């Protein structure tokens, strides 16, 4: 059985190893955070601005009623984005073009 001195030394080594691991984890966490920020910047600069149309205009272009368009959105047949905090929908112009052809 190990004596108290060797047990204390072992515990000290373990504590040092845990401190080292903690430092490495903090550095890794910071690196991941920076990489995520850079990736978001890179991706957002590559995305083209998407023109969004209100329900009224999108329905008129498609030649259907607004309620029909809302139903198609609800069924997932037409992609749309809800205005934050509201009940309004915006339909990407690309969706209208897709359904025209």
N, C-alpha and C. Protein backbone atom coordinates (compact mmCIF):
# COMPACT_ATOMS: atom_id res chain seq x y z
N UNK A 1 0.82 -1.18 0.00
CA UNK A 1 0.00 0.00 0.00
C UNK A 1 0.87 1.25 0.00
N UNK A 2 0.51 2.26 -0.81
CA UNK A 2 1.34 3.46 -0.85
C UNK A 2 1.21 4.26 0.45
N UNK A 3 2.32 4.94 0.78
CA UNK A 3 2.27 5.75 1.99
C UNK A 3 1.68 7.13 1.68
N UNK A 4 1.47 7.92 2.71
CA UNK A 4 0.83 9.23 2.54
C UNK A 4 1.61 10.15 1.62
N UNK A 5 2.95 10.08 1.66
CA UNK A 5 3.79 10.95 0.84
C UNK A 5 3.59 10.65 -0.64
N UNK A 6 3.60 9.38 -1.01
CA UNK A 6 3.43 9.04 -2.42
C UNK A 6 2.00 9.35 -2.88
N UNK A 7 1.03 9.20 -2.00
CA UNK A 7 -0.37 9.52 -2.34
C UNK A 7 -0.51 11.02 -2.57
N UNK A 8 0.13 11.82 -1.71
CA UNK A 8 0.09 13.27 -1.87
C UNK A 8 0.75 13.71 -3.18
N UNK A 9 1.86 13.08 -3.51
CA UNK A 9 2.55 13.41 -4.76
C UNK A 9 1.67 13.07 -5.96
N UNK A 10 1.03 11.93 -5.88
CA UNK A 10 0.14 11.50 -6.96
C UNK A 10 -1.03 12.47 -7.11
N UNK A 11 -1.60 12.87 -5.97
CA UNK A 11 -2.70 13.84 -6.00
C UNK A 11 -2.24 15.19 -6.56
N UNK A 12 -1.04 15.60 -6.22
CA UNK A 12 -0.50 16.85 -6.76
C UNK A 12 -0.34 16.77 -8.28
N UNK A 13 0.18 15.66 -8.76
CA UNK A 13 0.34 15.47 -10.21
C UNK A 13 -1.02 15.49 -10.92
N UNK A 14 -1.99 14.84 -10.30
CA UNK A 14 -3.33 14.82 -10.89
C UNK A 14 -3.93 16.22 -10.93
N UNK A 15 -3.73 17.00 -9.88
CA UNK A 15 -4.23 18.37 -9.84
C UNK A 15 -3.58 19.22 -10.92
N UNK A 16 -2.26 19.05 -11.11
CA UNK A 16 -1.55 19.78 -12.16
C UNK A 16 -2.09 19.40 -13.54
N UNK A 17 -2.32 18.11 -13.74
CA UNK A 17 -2.83 17.64 -15.02
C UNK A 17 -4.22 18.23 -15.29
N UNK A 18 -5.05 18.29 -14.26
CA UNK A 18 -6.39 18.88 -14.42
C UNK A 18 -6.32 20.36 -14.73
N UNK A 19 -5.39 21.07 -14.10
CA UNK A 19 -5.23 22.50 -14.39
C UNK A 19 -4.78 22.69 -15.84
N UNK A 20 -3.87 21.86 -16.29
CA UNK A 20 -3.38 21.93 -17.67
C UNK A 20 -4.52 21.64 -18.64
N UNK A 21 -5.32 20.62 -18.35
CA UNK A 21 -6.46 20.29 -19.20
C UNK A 21 -7.46 21.44 -19.24
N UNK A 22 -7.67 22.07 -18.12
CA UNK A 22 -8.60 23.19 -18.04
C UNK A 22 -8.12 24.35 -18.94
N UNK A 23 -6.83 24.62 -18.90
CA UNK A 23 -6.25 25.68 -19.73
C UNK A 23 -6.42 25.33 -21.21
N UNK A 24 -6.13 24.08 -21.56
CA UNK A 24 -6.28 23.64 -22.95
C UNK A 24 -7.72 23.74 -23.42
N UNK A 25 -8.67 23.35 -22.58
CA UNK A 25 -10.08 23.42 -22.94
C UNK A 25 -10.53 24.87 -23.15
N UNK A 26 -10.06 25.78 -22.32
CA UNK A 26 -10.40 27.20 -22.50
C UNK A 26 -9.84 27.72 -23.82
N UNK A 27 -8.60 27.37 -24.13
CA UNK A 27 -8.00 27.80 -25.39
C UNK A 27 -8.75 27.21 -26.59
N UNK A 28 -9.11 25.95 -26.50
CA UNK A 28 -9.85 25.29 -27.56
C UNK A 28 -11.22 25.94 -27.74
N UNK A 29 -11.88 26.24 -26.65
CA UNK A 29 -13.18 26.89 -26.70
C UNK A 29 -13.09 28.25 -27.39
N UNK A 30 -12.08 29.03 -27.06
CA UNK A 30 -11.88 30.34 -27.69
C UNK A 30 -11.61 30.19 -29.18
N UNK A 31 -10.79 29.20 -29.55
CA UNK A 31 -10.48 28.97 -30.95
C UNK A 31 -11.73 28.60 -31.73
N UNK A 32 -12.56 27.75 -31.16
CA UNK A 32 -13.81 27.35 -31.81
C UNK A 32 -14.72 28.56 -31.98
N UNK A 33 -14.80 29.40 -30.96
CA UNK A 33 -15.63 30.61 -31.02
C UNK A 33 -15.17 31.52 -32.16
N UNK A 34 -13.87 31.73 -32.27
CA UNK A 34 -13.31 32.59 -33.33
C UNK A 34 -13.59 31.99 -34.71
N UNK A 35 -13.40 30.68 -34.83
CA UNK A 35 -13.65 30.02 -36.12
C UNK A 35 -15.12 30.12 -36.52
N UNK A 36 -16.02 29.97 -35.57
CA UNK A 36 -17.45 30.10 -35.86
C UNK A 36 -17.78 31.51 -36.35
N UNK A 37 -17.20 32.52 -35.70
CA UNK A 37 -17.44 33.90 -36.10
C UNK A 37 -16.94 34.15 -37.52
N UNK A 38 -15.76 33.63 -37.82
CA UNK A 38 -15.21 33.80 -39.16
C UNK A 38 -16.05 33.08 -40.21
N UNK A 39 -16.51 31.89 -39.87
CA UNK A 39 -17.35 31.13 -40.79
C UNK A 39 -18.66 31.85 -41.06
N UNK A 40 -19.26 32.42 -40.02
CA UNK A 40 -20.50 33.17 -40.20
C UNK A 40 -20.27 34.38 -41.09
N UNK A 41 -19.17 35.09 -40.88
CA UNK A 41 -18.85 36.25 -41.72
C UNK A 41 -18.69 35.82 -43.17
N UNK A 42 -17.94 34.74 -43.37
CA UNK A 42 -17.67 34.24 -44.72
C UNK A 42 -18.96 33.81 -45.41
N UNK A 43 -19.80 33.06 -44.72
CA UNK A 43 -21.04 32.58 -45.31
C UNK A 43 -22.02 33.70 -45.60
N UNK A 44 -22.11 34.68 -44.70
CA UNK A 44 -23.06 35.76 -44.92
C UNK A 44 -22.65 36.65 -46.08
N UNK A 45 -21.36 36.76 -46.32
CA UNK A 45 -20.91 37.60 -47.43
C UNK A 45 -21.13 36.91 -48.77
N UNK A 46 -21.27 35.57 -48.77
CA UNK A 46 -21.45 34.83 -50.01
C UNK A 46 -22.92 34.69 -50.40
N UNK A 47 -23.82 34.87 -49.42
CA UNK A 47 -25.23 34.69 -49.72
C UNK A 47 -25.78 35.90 -50.48
N UNK A 48 -26.45 35.64 -51.59
CA UNK A 48 -27.04 36.77 -52.31
C UNK A 48 -28.27 37.28 -51.54
N UNK A 49 -28.54 38.56 -51.69
CA UNK A 49 -29.73 39.11 -51.08
C UNK A 49 -30.95 38.54 -51.78
N UNK A 50 -31.87 38.03 -51.01
CA UNK A 50 -33.06 37.39 -51.55
C UNK A 50 -34.22 38.38 -51.46
N UNK A 51 -34.85 38.63 -52.62
CA UNK A 51 -35.99 39.54 -52.63
C UNK A 51 -37.20 38.79 -52.09
N UNK A 52 -37.86 39.40 -51.10
CA UNK A 52 -39.02 38.79 -50.47
C UNK A 52 -40.27 39.58 -50.82
N UNK A 53 -41.33 38.86 -51.15
CA UNK A 53 -42.58 39.50 -51.55
C UNK A 53 -43.66 39.26 -50.49
N UNK A 54 -44.50 40.27 -50.24
CA UNK A 54 -45.62 40.05 -49.33
C UNK A 54 -46.66 39.13 -49.98
N UNK A 55 -47.52 38.56 -49.17
CA UNK A 55 -48.55 37.62 -49.64
C UNK A 55 -49.34 38.20 -50.82
N UNK A 56 -49.78 39.42 -50.68
CA UNK A 56 -50.62 40.04 -51.72
C UNK A 56 -49.93 40.01 -53.08
N UNK A 57 -48.68 40.46 -53.11
CA UNK A 57 -47.95 40.52 -54.38
C UNK A 57 -47.63 39.12 -54.92
N UNK A 58 -47.23 38.22 -54.03
CA UNK A 58 -46.90 36.86 -54.46
C UNK A 58 -48.14 36.16 -55.03
N UNK A 59 -49.28 36.32 -54.36
CA UNK A 59 -50.52 35.70 -54.84
C UNK A 59 -50.91 36.26 -56.20
N UNK A 60 -50.77 37.56 -56.37
CA UNK A 60 -51.11 38.19 -57.66
C UNK A 60 -50.22 37.66 -58.77
N UNK A 61 -48.94 37.52 -58.49
CA UNK A 61 -48.02 37.00 -59.51
C UNK A 61 -48.33 35.56 -59.88
N UNK A 62 -48.78 34.78 -58.88
CA UNK A 62 -49.10 33.38 -59.14
C UNK A 62 -50.51 33.21 -59.72
N UNK A 63 -51.30 34.26 -59.64
CA UNK A 63 -52.66 34.19 -60.15
C UNK A 63 -53.58 33.37 -59.26
N UNK A 64 -53.32 33.41 -57.96
CA UNK A 64 -54.16 32.68 -56.99
C UNK A 64 -54.56 33.64 -55.88
N UNK A 65 -55.51 33.24 -55.07
CA UNK A 65 -55.93 34.05 -53.94
C UNK A 65 -54.95 33.99 -52.79
N UNK A 66 -55.04 34.99 -51.93
CA UNK A 66 -54.14 35.04 -50.78
C UNK A 66 -54.38 33.87 -49.83
N UNK A 67 -55.63 33.47 -49.65
CA UNK A 67 -55.92 32.35 -48.75
C UNK A 67 -55.36 31.04 -49.33
N UNK A 68 -55.43 30.91 -50.65
CA UNK A 68 -54.86 29.72 -51.30
C UNK A 68 -53.35 29.69 -51.08
N UNK A 69 -52.73 30.84 -51.22
CA UNK A 69 -51.27 30.91 -51.02
C UNK A 69 -50.92 30.57 -49.58
N UNK A 70 -51.68 31.08 -48.63
CA UNK A 70 -51.43 30.75 -47.22
C UNK A 70 -51.57 29.24 -46.98
N UNK A 71 -52.57 28.62 -47.61
CA UNK A 71 -52.77 27.18 -47.48
C UNK A 71 -51.56 26.42 -48.04
N UNK A 72 -51.08 26.86 -49.22
CA UNK A 72 -49.92 26.20 -49.84
C UNK A 72 -48.67 26.35 -48.97
N UNK A 73 -48.54 27.50 -48.33
CA UNK A 73 -47.42 27.71 -47.41
C UNK A 73 -47.56 26.75 -46.22
N UNK A 74 -48.76 26.67 -45.67
CA UNK A 74 -49.02 25.78 -44.54
C UNK A 74 -48.77 24.31 -44.86
N UNK A 75 -49.03 23.92 -46.11
CA UNK A 75 -48.80 22.55 -46.55
C UNK A 75 -47.35 22.29 -46.91
N UNK A 76 -46.54 23.36 -46.91
CA UNK A 76 -45.12 23.21 -47.24
C UNK A 76 -44.84 23.13 -48.73
N UNK A 77 -45.82 23.48 -49.54
CA UNK A 77 -45.63 23.43 -51.00
C UNK A 77 -44.94 24.67 -51.53
N UNK A 78 -45.05 25.76 -50.78
CA UNK A 78 -44.34 26.99 -51.13
C UNK A 78 -43.59 27.44 -49.89
N UNK A 79 -42.32 27.73 -50.09
CA UNK A 79 -41.45 28.17 -49.00
C UNK A 79 -41.71 29.64 -48.70
N UNK A 80 -41.80 29.98 -47.43
CA UNK A 80 -42.03 31.37 -47.03
C UNK A 80 -41.37 31.61 -45.68
N UNK A 81 -41.20 32.88 -45.36
CA UNK A 81 -40.61 33.27 -44.08
C UNK A 81 -41.61 34.13 -43.34
N UNK A 82 -41.77 33.84 -42.06
CA UNK A 82 -42.67 34.65 -41.24
C UNK A 82 -41.92 35.88 -40.74
N UNK A 83 -42.59 37.01 -40.77
CA UNK A 83 -42.00 38.24 -40.26
C UNK A 83 -41.89 38.10 -38.74
N UNK A 84 -40.70 38.35 -38.17
CA UNK A 84 -40.54 38.19 -36.72
C UNK A 84 -41.57 39.00 -35.94
N UNK A 85 -42.22 38.34 -35.00
CA UNK A 85 -43.17 39.02 -34.13
C UNK A 85 -44.50 39.33 -34.78
N UNK A 86 -44.75 38.82 -35.97
CA UNK A 86 -46.00 39.14 -36.64
C UNK A 86 -46.64 37.93 -37.28
N UNK A 87 -47.75 38.19 -37.94
CA UNK A 87 -48.47 37.12 -38.61
C UNK A 87 -48.20 37.13 -40.11
N UNK A 88 -47.46 38.10 -40.58
CA UNK A 88 -47.23 38.26 -42.01
C UNK A 88 -46.20 37.26 -42.53
N UNK A 89 -46.40 36.87 -43.77
CA UNK A 89 -45.47 35.98 -44.46
C UNK A 89 -44.80 36.75 -45.58
N UNK A 90 -43.55 36.39 -45.85
CA UNK A 90 -42.83 36.91 -47.00
C UNK A 90 -42.38 35.71 -47.83
N UNK A 91 -42.60 35.81 -49.13
CA UNK A 91 -42.30 34.69 -50.02
C UNK A 91 -41.10 35.10 -50.89
N UNK A 92 -40.07 34.27 -50.92
CA UNK A 92 -38.91 34.56 -51.77
C UNK A 92 -39.35 34.61 -53.23
N UNK A 93 -38.83 35.59 -53.96
CA UNK A 93 -39.16 35.73 -55.37
C UNK A 93 -38.79 34.47 -56.15
N UNK A 94 -37.75 33.80 -55.72
CA UNK A 94 -37.32 32.55 -56.39
C UNK A 94 -38.42 31.50 -56.31
N UNK A 95 -39.20 31.48 -55.22
CA UNK A 95 -40.30 30.52 -55.10
C UNK A 95 -41.37 30.81 -56.14
N UNK A 96 -41.64 32.08 -56.38
CA UNK A 96 -42.65 32.47 -57.37
C UNK A 96 -42.17 32.03 -58.75
N UNK A 97 -40.90 32.31 -59.05
CA UNK A 97 -40.35 31.92 -60.36
C UNK A 97 -40.38 30.40 -60.52
N UNK A 98 -40.12 29.67 -59.45
CA UNK A 98 -40.12 28.21 -59.50
C UNK A 98 -41.51 27.68 -59.87
N UNK A 99 -42.54 28.32 -59.37
CA UNK A 99 -43.89 27.85 -59.63
C UNK A 99 -44.48 28.40 -60.92
N UNK A 100 -43.82 29.37 -61.52
CA UNK A 100 -44.26 29.89 -62.84
C UNK A 100 -43.87 28.95 -63.95
N UNK A 101 -42.75 28.24 -63.76
CA UNK A 101 -42.26 27.39 -64.86
C UNK A 101 -42.86 26.03 -64.88
